[in-house]
Amino acid sequence: VMILIFASINDSAFLLDFAIIYTLSGFIGIIFIALFLAE
């Protein structure tokens, strides 16, 4: 959310790509960690 707000402040559309990539990597990381802990 901070990346998205900063992109809105600076009118930087390329930061939205970074936010999407960070979201996907965070989601995949959480899933792997949860599966590891459950196993």
PDB file of all heavy atoms in Angstrom:
ATOM      1  N   VAL A   1       0.835  -1.201   0.000  1.00  0.00           N
ATOM      2  CA  VAL A   1       0.000   0.000   0.000  1.00  0.00           C
ATOM      3  C   VAL A   1       0.871   1.253   0.000  1.00  0.00           C
ATOM      4  O   VAL A   1       0.552   2.244  -0.676  1.00  0.00           O
ATOM      5  CB  VAL A   1      -0.976  -0.021   1.197  1.00  0.00           C
ATOM      6  CG1 VAL A   1      -1.726   1.285   1.322  1.00  0.00           C
ATOM      7  CG2 VAL A   1      -1.941  -1.174   1.061  1.00  0.00           C
ATOM      8  N   MET A   2       1.997   1.226   0.712  1.00  0.00           N
ATOM      9  CA  MET A   2       2.898   2.379   0.709  1.00  0.00           C
ATOM     10  C   MET A   2       3.498   2.615  -0.674  1.00  0.00           C
ATOM     11  O   MET A   2       3.650   3.765  -1.101  1.00  0.00           O
ATOM     12  CB  MET A   2       3.995   2.211   1.761  1.00  0.00           C
ATOM     13  CG  MET A   2       3.502   2.420   3.175  1.00  0.00           C
ATOM     14  SD  MET A   2       4.801   2.519   4.416  1.00  0.00           S
ATOM     15  CE  MET A   2       5.388   0.848   4.481  1.00  0.00           C
ATOM     16  N   ILE A   3       3.818   1.539  -1.389  1.00  0.00           N
ATOM     17  CA  ILE A   3       4.326   1.682  -2.757  1.00  0.00           C
ATOM     18  C   ILE A   3       3.261   2.314  -3.644  1.00  0.00           C
ATOM     19  O   ILE A   3       3.544   3.203  -4.455  1.00  0.00           O
ATOM     20  CB  ILE A   3       4.783   0.318  -3.320  1.00  0.00           C
ATOM     21  CG1 ILE A   3       6.049  -0.160  -2.630  1.00  0.00           C
ATOM     22  CG2 ILE A   3       5.026   0.402  -4.825  1.00  0.00           C
ATOM     23  CD1 ILE A   3       6.440  -1.580  -2.990  1.00  0.00           C
ATOM     24  N   LEU A   4       2.010   1.869  -3.482  1.00  0.00           N
ATOM     25  CA  LEU A   4       0.922   2.422  -4.291  1.00  0.00           C
ATOM     26  C   LEU A   4       0.669   3.894  -3.969  1.00  0.00           C
ATOM     27  O   LEU A   4       0.433   4.699  -4.874  1.00  0.00           O
ATOM     28  CB  LEU A   4      -0.345   1.602  -4.087  1.00  0.00           C
ATOM     29  CG  LEU A   4      -0.296   0.165  -4.604  1.00  0.00           C
ATOM     30  CD1 LEU A   4      -1.562  -0.574  -4.221  1.00  0.00           C
ATOM     31  CD2 LEU A   4      -0.070   0.135  -6.088  1.00  0.00           C
ATOM     32  N   ILE A   5       0.728   4.258  -2.699  1.00  0.00           N
ATOM     33  CA  ILE A   5       0.550   5.669  -2.333  1.00  0.00           C
ATOM     34  C   ILE A   5       1.691   6.509  -2.879  1.00  0.00           C
ATOM     35  O   ILE A   5       1.485   7.597  -3.421  1.00  0.00           O
ATOM     36  CB  ILE A   5       0.429   5.816  -0.803  1.00  0.00           C
ATOM     37  CG1 ILE A   5      -0.893   5.241  -0.319  1.00  0.00           C
ATOM     38  CG2 ILE A   5       0.539   7.284  -0.377  1.00  0.00           C
ATOM     39  CD1 ILE A   5      -1.027   5.180   1.183  1.00  0.00           C
ATOM     40  N   PHE A   6       2.916   5.998  -2.766  1.00  0.00           N
ATOM     41  CA  PHE A   6       4.071   6.732  -3.285  1.00  0.00           C
ATOM     42  C   PHE A   6       3.980   6.889  -4.797  1.00  0.00           C
ATOM     43  O   PHE A   6       4.334   7.938  -5.344  1.00  0.00           O
ATOM     44  CB  PHE A   6       5.369   6.021  -2.885  1.00  0.00           C
ATOM     45  CG  PHE A   6       6.592   6.807  -3.156  1.00  0.00           C
ATOM     46  CD1 PHE A   6       6.927   7.888  -2.368  1.00  0.00           C
ATOM     47  CD2 PHE A   6       7.441   6.478  -4.209  1.00  0.00           C
ATOM     48  CE1 PHE A   6       8.062   8.636  -2.612  1.00  0.00           C
ATOM     49  CE2 PHE A   6       8.571   7.202  -4.469  1.00  0.00           C
ATOM     50  CZ  PHE A   6       8.892   8.292  -3.664  1.00  0.00           C
ATOM     51  N   ALA A   7       3.487   5.848  -5.491  1.00  0.00           N
ATOM     52  CA  ALA A   7       3.297   5.948  -6.940  1.00  0.00           C
ATOM     53  C   ALA A   7       2.244   6.989  -7.279  1.00  0.00           C
ATOM     54  O   ALA A   7       2.378   7.718  -8.269  1.00  0.00           O
ATOM     55  CB  ALA A   7       2.905   4.586  -7.502  1.00  0.00           C
ATOM     56  N   SER A   8       1.222   7.079  -6.458  1.00  0.00           N
ATOM     57  CA  SER A   8       0.183   8.086  -6.685  1.00  0.00           C
ATOM     58  C   SER A   8       0.710   9.497  -6.448  1.00  0.00           C
ATOM     59  O   SER A   8       0.351  10.422  -7.172  1.00  0.00           O
ATOM     60  CB  SER A   8      -1.001   7.799  -5.768  1.00  0.00           C
ATOM     61  OG  SER A   8      -1.946   8.813  -5.861  1.00  0.00           O
ATOM     62  N   ILE A   9       1.543   9.669  -5.438  1.00  0.00           N
ATOM     63  CA  ILE A   9       2.100  10.990  -5.136  1.00  0.00           C
ATOM     64  C   ILE A   9       2.999  11.472  -6.267  1.00  0.00           C
ATOM     65  O   ILE A   9       2.926  12.619  -6.701  1.00  0.00           O
ATOM     66  CB  ILE A   9       2.884  10.960  -3.806  1.00  0.00           C
ATOM     67  CG1 ILE A   9       1.927  10.797  -2.627  1.00  0.00           C
ATOM     68  CG2 ILE A   9       3.716  12.215  -3.624  1.00  0.00           C
ATOM     69  CD1 ILE A   9       2.633  10.539  -1.303  1.00  0.00           C
ATOM     70  N   ASN A  10       3.838  10.589  -6.783  1.00  0.00           N
ATOM     71  CA  ASN A  10       4.836  10.966  -7.786  1.00  0.00           C
ATOM     72  C   ASN A  10       4.387  10.744  -9.226  1.00  0.00           C
ATOM     73  O   ASN A  10       5.175  10.975 -10.147  1.00  0.00           O
ATOM     74  CB  ASN A  10       6.137  10.204  -7.543  1.00  0.00           C
ATOM     75  CG  ASN A  10       6.803  10.648  -6.274  1.00  0.00           C
ATOM     76  OD1 ASN A  10       6.684  11.793  -5.859  1.00  0.00           O
ATOM     77  ND2 ASN A  10       7.510   9.729  -5.641  1.00  0.00           N
ATOM     78  N   ASP A  11       3.176  10.283  -9.449  1.00  0.00           N
ATOM     79  CA  ASP A  11       2.692   9.943 -10.796  1.00  0.00           C
ATOM     80  C   ASP A  11       3.659   9.003 -11.518  1.00  0.00           C
ATOM     81  O   ASP A  11       4.045   9.235 -12.664  1.00  0.00           O
ATOM     82  CB  ASP A  11       2.470  11.203 -11.641  1.00  0.00           C
ATOM     83  CG  ASP A  11       1.114  11.823 -11.391  1.00  0.00           C
ATOM     84  OD1 ASP A  11       0.230  11.096 -10.909  1.00  0.00           O
ATOM     85  OD2 ASP A  11       0.958  13.015 -11.677  1.00  0.00           O
ATOM     86  N   SER A  12       4.049   7.948 -10.830  1.00  0.00           N
ATOM     87  CA  SER A  12       4.982   6.968 -11.385  1.00  0.00           C
ATOM     88  C   SER A  12       4.239   5.665 -11.627  1.00  0.00           C
ATOM     89  O   SER A  12       4.001   4.874 -10.702  1.00  0.00           O
ATOM     90  CB  SER A  12       6.148   6.731 -10.417  1.00  0.00           C
ATOM     91  OG  SER A  12       6.822   7.936 -10.168  1.00  0.00           O
ATOM     92  N   ALA A  13       3.894   5.423 -12.857  1.00  0.00           N
ATOM     93  CA  ALA A  13       3.132   4.215 -13.188  1.00  0.00           C
ATOM     94  C   ALA A  13       3.994   2.961 -13.102  1.00  0.00           C
ATOM     95  O   ALA A  13       3.470   1.873 -12.830  1.00  0.00           O
ATOM     96  CB  ALA A  13       2.556   4.339 -14.588  1.00  0.00           C
ATOM     97  N   PHE A  14       5.307   3.087 -13.273  1.00  0.00           N
ATOM     98  CA  PHE A  14       6.162   1.905 -13.236  1.00  0.00           C
ATOM     99  C   PHE A  14       6.231   1.308 -11.843  1.00  0.00           C
ATOM    100  O   PHE A  14       6.528   0.117 -11.689  1.00  0.00           O
ATOM    101  CB  PHE A  14       7.570   2.224 -13.760  1.00  0.00           C
ATOM    102  CG  PHE A  14       8.387   3.065 -12.835  1.00  0.00           C
ATOM    103  CD1 PHE A  14       9.232   2.487 -11.918  1.00  0.00           C
ATOM    104  CD2 PHE A  14       8.322   4.449 -12.897  1.00  0.00           C
ATOM    105  CE1 PHE A  14       9.988   3.264 -11.064  1.00  0.00           C
ATOM    106  CE2 PHE A  14       9.070   5.232 -12.057  1.00  0.00           C
ATOM    107  CZ  PHE A  14       9.904   4.636 -11.132  1.00  0.00           C
ATOM    108  N   LEU A  15       5.938   2.081 -10.804  1.00  0.00           N
ATOM    109  CA  LEU A  15       5.938   1.542  -9.448  1.00  0.00           C
ATOM    110  C   LEU A  15       4.779   0.579  -9.218  1.00  0.00           C
ATOM    111  O   LEU A  15       4.841  -0.271  -8.334  1.00  0.00           O
ATOM    112  CB  LEU A  15       5.886   2.678  -8.422  1.00  0.00           C
ATOM    113  CG  LEU A  15       7.163   3.491  -8.272  1.00  0.00           C
ATOM    114  CD1 LEU A  15       6.945   4.635  -7.303  1.00  0.00           C
ATOM    115  CD2 LEU A  15       8.315   2.627  -7.819  1.00  0.00           C
ATOM    116  N   LEU A  16       3.740   0.695 -10.020  1.00  0.00           N
ATOM    117  CA  LEU A  16       2.637  -0.245  -9.917  1.00  0.00           C
ATOM    118  C   LEU A  16       3.083  -1.660 -10.298  1.00  0.00           C
ATOM    119  O   LEU A  16       2.623  -2.634  -9.714  1.00  0.00           O
ATOM    120  CB  LEU A  16       1.473   0.198 -10.799  1.00  0.00           C
ATOM    121  CG  LEU A  16       0.877   1.558 -10.469  1.00  0.00           C
ATOM    122  CD1 LEU A  16      -0.200   1.923 -11.477  1.00  0.00           C
ATOM    123  CD2 LEU A  16       0.340   1.590  -9.065  1.00  0.00           C
ATOM    124  N   ASP A  17       4.000  -1.755 -11.258  1.00  0.00           N
ATOM    125  CA  ASP A  17       4.550  -3.061 -11.617  1.00  0.00           C
ATOM    126  C   ASP A  17       5.321  -3.672 -10.457  1.00  0.00           C
ATOM    127  O   ASP A  17       5.213  -4.873 -10.188  1.00  0.00           O
ATOM    128  CB  ASP A  17       5.473  -2.937 -12.832  1.00  0.00           C
ATOM    129  CG  ASP A  17       4.743  -2.488 -14.075  1.00  0.00           C
ATOM    130  OD1 ASP A  17       3.524  -2.752 -14.155  1.00  0.00           O
ATOM    131  OD2 ASP A  17       5.381  -1.870 -14.943  1.00  0.00           O
ATOM    132  N   PHE A  18       6.080  -2.851  -9.759  1.00  0.00           N
ATOM    133  CA  PHE A  18       6.815  -3.338  -8.592  1.00  0.00           C
ATOM    134  C   PHE A  18       5.858  -3.802  -7.500  1.00  0.00           C
ATOM    135  O   PHE A  18       6.109  -4.807  -6.827  1.00  0.00           O
ATOM    136  CB  PHE A  18       7.756  -2.272  -8.037  1.00  0.00           C
ATOM    137  CG  PHE A  18       8.942  -2.010  -8.899  1.00  0.00           C
ATOM    138  CD1 PHE A  18       9.154  -0.764  -9.441  1.00  0.00           C
ATOM    139  CD2 PHE A  18       9.854  -3.014  -9.171  1.00  0.00           C
ATOM    140  CE1 PHE A  18      10.247  -0.513 -10.241  1.00  0.00           C
ATOM    141  CE2 PHE A  18      10.954  -2.790  -9.969  1.00  0.00           C
ATOM    142  CZ  PHE A  18      11.152  -1.531 -10.507  1.00  0.00           C
ATOM    143  N   ALA A  19       4.751  -3.089  -7.319  1.00  0.00           N
ATOM    144  CA  ALA A  19       3.767  -3.482  -6.313  1.00  0.00           C
ATOM    145  C   ALA A  19       3.132  -4.830  -6.673  1.00  0.00           C
ATOM    146  O   ALA A  19       2.934  -5.677  -5.796  1.00  0.00           O
ATOM    147  CB  ALA A  19       2.698  -2.411  -6.180  1.00  0.00           C
ATOM    148  N   ILE A  20       2.845  -5.039  -7.942  1.00  0.00           N
ATOM    149  CA  ILE A  20       2.264  -6.315  -8.369  1.00  0.00           C
ATOM    150  C   ILE A  20       3.253  -7.452  -8.183  1.00  0.00           C
ATOM    151  O   ILE A  20       2.904  -8.528  -7.675  1.00  0.00           O
ATOM    152  CB  ILE A  20       1.793  -6.233  -9.834  1.00  0.00           C
ATOM    153  CG1 ILE A  20       0.603  -5.287  -9.941  1.00  0.00           C
ATOM    154  CG2 ILE A  20       1.436  -7.608 -10.379  1.00  0.00           C
ATOM    155  CD1 ILE A  20       0.206  -4.963 -11.355  1.00  0.00           C
ATOM    156  N   ILE A  21       4.503  -7.234  -8.550  1.00  0.00           N
ATOM    157  CA  ILE A  21       5.538  -8.265  -8.384  1.00  0.00           C
ATOM    158  C   ILE A  21       5.746  -8.571  -6.911  1.00  0.00           C
ATOM    159  O   ILE A  21       5.859  -9.737  -6.498  1.00  0.00           O
ATOM    160  CB  ILE A  21       6.848  -7.823  -9.061  1.00  0.00           C
ATOM    161  CG1 ILE A  21       6.669  -7.812 -10.569  1.00  0.00           C
ATOM    162  CG2 ILE A  21       8.000  -8.739  -8.661  1.00  0.00           C
ATOM    163  CD1 ILE A  21       7.804  -7.153 -11.315  1.00  0.00           C
ATOM    164  N   TYR A  22       5.793  -7.550  -6.074  1.00  0.00           N
ATOM    165  CA  TYR A  22       5.971  -7.746  -4.639  1.00  0.00           C
ATOM    166  C   TYR A  22       4.779  -8.486  -4.042  1.00  0.00           C
ATOM    167  O   TYR A  22       4.946  -9.342  -3.164  1.00  0.00           O
ATOM    168  CB  TYR A  22       6.171  -6.399  -3.940  1.00  0.00           C
ATOM    169  CG  TYR A  22       6.591  -6.531  -2.508  1.00  0.00           C
ATOM    170  CD1 TYR A  22       7.888  -6.879  -2.174  1.00  0.00           C
ATOM    171  CD2 TYR A  22       5.683  -6.313  -1.483  1.00  0.00           C
ATOM    172  CE1 TYR A  22       8.267  -7.015  -0.865  1.00  0.00           C
ATOM    173  CE2 TYR A  22       6.054  -6.436  -0.168  1.00  0.00           C
ATOM    174  CZ  TYR A  22       7.349  -6.785   0.137  1.00  0.00           C
ATOM    175  OH  TYR A  22       7.716  -6.920   1.444  1.00  0.00           O
ATOM    176  N   THR A  23       3.588  -8.193  -4.529  1.00  0.00           N
ATOM    177  CA  THR A  23       2.396  -8.882  -4.049  1.00  0.00           C
ATOM    178  C   THR A  23       2.448 -10.364  -4.392  1.00  0.00           C
ATOM    179  O   THR A  23       2.184 -11.220  -3.535  1.00  0.00           O
ATOM    180  CB  THR A  23       1.128  -8.262  -4.677  1.00  0.00           C
ATOM    181  OG1 THR A  23       1.093  -6.875  -4.361  1.00  0.00           O
ATOM    182  CG2 THR A  23      -0.118  -8.939  -4.190  1.00  0.00           C
ATOM    183  N   LEU A  24       2.787 -10.675  -5.622  1.00  0.00           N
ATOM    184  CA  LEU A  24       2.849 -12.074  -6.036  1.00  0.00           C
ATOM    185  C   LEU A  24       3.937 -12.842  -5.303  1.00  0.00           C
ATOM    186  O   LEU A  24       3.727 -13.974  -4.860  1.00  0.00           O
ATOM    187  CB  LEU A  24       3.055 -12.166  -7.549  1.00  0.00           C
ATOM    188  CG  LEU A  24       1.874 -11.717  -8.402  1.00  0.00           C
ATOM    189  CD1 LEU A  24       2.254 -11.723  -9.876  1.00  0.00           C
ATOM    190  CD2 LEU A  24       0.679 -12.599  -8.148  1.00  0.00           C
ATOM    191  N   SER A  25       5.108 -12.233  -5.146  1.00  0.00           N
ATOM    192  CA  SER A  25       6.187 -12.925  -4.438  1.00  0.00           C
ATOM    193  C   SER A  25       5.855 -13.092  -2.960  1.00  0.00           C
ATOM    194  O   SER A  25       6.174 -14.126  -2.363  1.00  0.00           O
ATOM    195  CB  SER A  25       7.510 -12.185  -4.618  1.00  0.00           C
ATOM    196  OG  SER A  25       7.453 -10.919  -4.017  1.00  0.00           O
ATOM    197  N   GLY A  26       5.202 -12.112  -2.362  1.00  0.00           N
ATOM    198  CA  GLY A  26       4.793 -12.240  -0.965  1.00  0.00           C
ATOM    199  C   GLY A  26       3.755 -13.328  -0.770  1.00  0.00           C
ATOM    200  O   GLY A  26       3.810 -14.097   0.186  1.00  0.00           O
ATOM    201  N   PHE A  27       2.799 -13.415  -1.689  1.00  0.00           N
ATOM    202  CA  PHE A  27       1.768 -14.442  -1.600  1.00  0.00           C
ATOM    203  C   PHE A  27       2.374 -15.834  -1.737  1.00  0.00           C
ATOM    204  O   PHE A  27       2.075 -16.733  -0.944  1.00  0.00           O
ATOM    205  CB  PHE A  27       0.715 -14.217  -2.688  1.00  0.00           C
ATOM    206  CG  PHE A  27      -0.320 -15.295  -2.750  1.00  0.00           C
ATOM    207  CD1 PHE A  27      -1.286 -15.399  -1.767  1.00  0.00           C
ATOM    208  CD2 PHE A  27      -0.328 -16.198  -3.796  1.00  0.00           C
ATOM    209  CE1 PHE A  27      -2.247 -16.393  -1.826  1.00  0.00           C
ATOM    210  CE2 PHE A  27      -1.283 -17.186  -3.860  1.00  0.00           C
ATOM    211  CZ  PHE A  27      -2.247 -17.289  -2.873  1.00  0.00           C
ATOM    212  N   ILE A  28       3.240 -16.007  -2.716  1.00  0.00           N
ATOM    213  CA  ILE A  28       3.870 -17.311  -2.914  1.00  0.00           C
ATOM    214  C   ILE A  28       4.747 -17.667  -1.716  1.00  0.00           C
ATOM    215  O   ILE A  28       4.762 -18.814  -1.258  1.00  0.00           O
ATOM    216  CB  ILE A  28       4.671 -17.317  -4.232  1.00  0.00           C
ATOM    217  CG1 ILE A  28       3.700 -17.256  -5.408  1.00  0.00           C
ATOM    218  CG2 ILE A  28       5.542 -18.565  -4.341  1.00  0.00           C
ATOM    219  CD1 ILE A  28       4.368 -17.026  -6.747  1.00  0.00           C
ATOM    220  N   GLY A  29       5.453 -16.691  -1.175  1.00  0.00           N
ATOM    221  CA  GLY A  29       6.293 -16.939  -0.001  1.00  0.00           C
ATOM    222  C   GLY A  29       5.477 -17.365   1.207  1.00  0.00           C
ATOM    223  O   GLY A  29       5.853 -18.306   1.921  1.00  0.00           O
ATOM    224  N   ILE A  30       4.366 -16.703   1.451  1.00  0.00           N
ATOM    225  CA  ILE A  30       3.504 -17.063   2.584  1.00  0.00           C
ATOM    226  C   ILE A  30       2.948 -18.473   2.418  1.00  0.00           C
ATOM    227  O   ILE A  30       2.894 -19.247   3.373  1.00  0.00           O
ATOM    228  CB  ILE A  30       2.360 -16.035   2.737  1.00  0.00           C
ATOM    229  CG1 ILE A  30       2.896 -14.714   3.241  1.00  0.00           C
ATOM    230  CG2 ILE A  30       1.269 -16.548   3.656  1.00  0.00           C
ATOM    231  CD1 ILE A  30       3.405 -14.737   4.651  1.00  0.00           C
ATOM    232  N   ILE A  31       2.540 -18.821   1.210  1.00  0.00           N
ATOM    233  CA  ILE A  31       2.007 -20.163   0.964  1.00  0.00           C
ATOM    234  C   ILE A  31       3.070 -21.216   1.225  1.00  0.00           C
ATOM    235  O   ILE A  31       2.812 -22.221   1.902  1.00  0.00           O
ATOM    236  CB  ILE A  31       1.461 -20.286  -0.481  1.00  0.00           C
ATOM    237  CG1 ILE A  31       0.261 -19.373  -0.679  1.00  0.00           C
ATOM    238  CG2 ILE A  31       1.115 -21.728  -0.825  1.00  0.00           C
ATOM    239  CD1 ILE A  31      -0.922 -19.714   0.180  1.00  0.00           C
ATOM    240  N   PHE A  32       4.289 -21.006   0.737  1.00  0.00           N
ATOM    241  CA  PHE A  32       5.363 -21.982   0.953  1.00  0.00           C
ATOM    242  C   PHE A  32       5.732 -22.111   2.422  1.00  0.00           C
ATOM    243  O   PHE A  32       5.965 -23.217   2.920  1.00  0.00           O
ATOM    244  CB  PHE A  32       6.594 -21.646   0.120  1.00  0.00           C
ATOM    245  CG  PHE A  32       6.467 -22.030  -1.326  1.00  0.00           C
ATOM    246  CD1 PHE A  32       6.953 -21.209  -2.316  1.00  0.00           C
ATOM    247  CD2 PHE A  32       5.861 -23.208  -1.700  1.00  0.00           C
ATOM    248  CE1 PHE A  32       6.839 -21.555  -3.653  1.00  0.00           C
ATOM    249  CE2 PHE A  32       5.739 -23.568  -3.025  1.00  0.00           C
ATOM    250  CZ  PHE A  32       6.224 -22.742  -4.004  1.00  0.00           C
ATOM    251  N   ILE A  33       5.788 -21.000   3.121  1.00  0.00           N
ATOM    252  CA  ILE A  33       6.128 -21.056   4.551  1.00  0.00           C
ATOM    253  C   ILE A  33       5.032 -21.780   5.327  1.00  0.00           C
ATOM    254  O   ILE A  33       5.314 -22.606   6.197  1.00  0.00           O
ATOM    255  CB  ILE A  33       6.376 -19.640   5.100  1.00  0.00           C
ATOM    256  CG1 ILE A  33       7.648 -19.063   4.510  1.00  0.00           C
ATOM    257  CG2 ILE A  33       6.474 -19.662   6.621  1.00  0.00           C
ATOM    258  CD1 ILE A  33       7.849 -17.589   4.820  1.00  0.00           C
ATOM    259  N   ALA A  34       3.773 -21.498   5.018  1.00  0.00           N
ATOM    260  CA  ALA A  34       2.666 -22.168   5.712  1.00  0.00           C
ATOM    261  C   ALA A  34       2.670 -23.672   5.418  1.00  0.00           C
ATOM    262  O   ALA A  34       2.444 -24.481   6.334  1.00  0.00           O
ATOM    263  CB  ALA A  34       1.342 -21.551   5.302  1.00  0.00           C
ATOM    264  N   LEU A  35       2.914 -24.058   4.179  1.00  0.00           N
ATOM    265  CA  LEU A  35       2.991 -25.482   3.855  1.00  0.00           C
ATOM    266  C   LEU A  35       4.154 -26.155   4.560  1.00  0.00           C
ATOM    267  O   LEU A  35       4.027 -27.284   5.056  1.00  0.00           O
ATOM    268  CB  LEU A  35       3.107 -25.672   2.341  1.00  0.00           C
ATOM    269  CG  LEU A  35       1.857 -25.375   1.527  1.00  0.00           C
ATOM    270  CD1 LEU A  35       2.154 -25.466   0.038  1.00  0.00           C
ATOM    271  CD2 LEU A  35       0.741 -26.319   1.912  1.00  0.00           C
ATOM    272  N   PHE A  36       5.286 -25.481   4.625  1.00  0.00           N
ATOM    273  CA  PHE A  36       6.452 -26.032   5.316  1.00  0.00           C
ATOM    274  C   PHE A  36       6.157 -26.237   6.795  1.00  0.00           C
ATOM    275  O   PHE A  36       6.476 -27.286   7.365  1.00  0.00           O
ATOM    276  CB  PHE A  36       7.655 -25.101   5.133  1.00  0.00           C
ATOM    277  CG  PHE A  36       8.835 -25.489   5.958  1.00  0.00           C
ATOM    278  CD1 PHE A  36       9.614 -26.574   5.618  1.00  0.00           C
ATOM    279  CD2 PHE A  36       9.167 -24.756   7.087  1.00  0.00           C
ATOM    280  CE1 PHE A  36      10.699 -26.938   6.389  1.00  0.00           C
ATOM    281  CE2 PHE A  36      10.250 -25.096   7.860  1.00  0.00           C
ATOM    282  CZ  PHE A  36      11.023 -26.190   7.511  1.00  0.00           C
ATOM    283  N   LEU A  37       5.534 -25.252   7.423  1.00  0.00           N
ATOM    284  CA  LEU A  37       5.231 -25.368   8.851  1.00  0.00           C
ATOM    285  C   LEU A  37       4.192 -26.446   9.119  1.00  0.00           C
ATOM    286  O   LEU A  37       4.284 -27.174  10.111  1.00  0.00           O
ATOM    287  CB  LEU A  37       4.758 -24.025   9.395  1.00  0.00           C
ATOM    288  CG  LEU A  37       5.820 -22.934   9.438  1.00  0.00           C
ATOM    289  CD1 LEU A  37       5.195 -21.618   9.861  1.00  0.00           C
ATOM    290  CD2 LEU A  37       6.951 -23.321  10.362  1.00  0.00           C
ATOM    291  N   ALA A  38       3.201 -26.568   8.251  1.00  0.00           N
ATOM    292  CA  ALA A  38       2.194 -27.616   8.417  1.00  0.00           C
ATOM    293  C   ALA A  38       2.816 -28.997   8.252  1.00  0.00           C
ATOM    294  O   ALA A  38       2.497 -29.927   9.014  1.00  0.00           O
ATOM    295  CB  ALA A  38       1.061 -27.417   7.423  1.00  0.00           C
ATOM    296  N   GLU A  39       3.705 -29.151   7.290  1.00  0.00           N
ATOM    297  CA  GLU A  39       4.375 -30.443   7.078  1.00  0.00           C
ATOM    298  C   GLU A  39       5.287 -30.776   8.253  1.00  0.00           C
ATOM    299  O   GLU A  39       5.357 -31.926   8.691  1.00  0.00           O
ATOM    300  CB  GLU A  39       5.173 -30.403   5.776  1.00  0.00           C
ATOM    301  CG  GLU A  39       5.798 -31.715   5.390  1.00  0.00           C
ATOM    302  CD  GLU A  39       4.771 -32.767   5.035  1.00  0.00           C
ATOM    303  OE1 GLU A  39       3.690 -32.409   4.540  1.00  0.00           O
ATOM    304  OE2 GLU A  39       5.047 -33.960   5.269  1.00  0.00           O
TER     305      GLU A  39
END
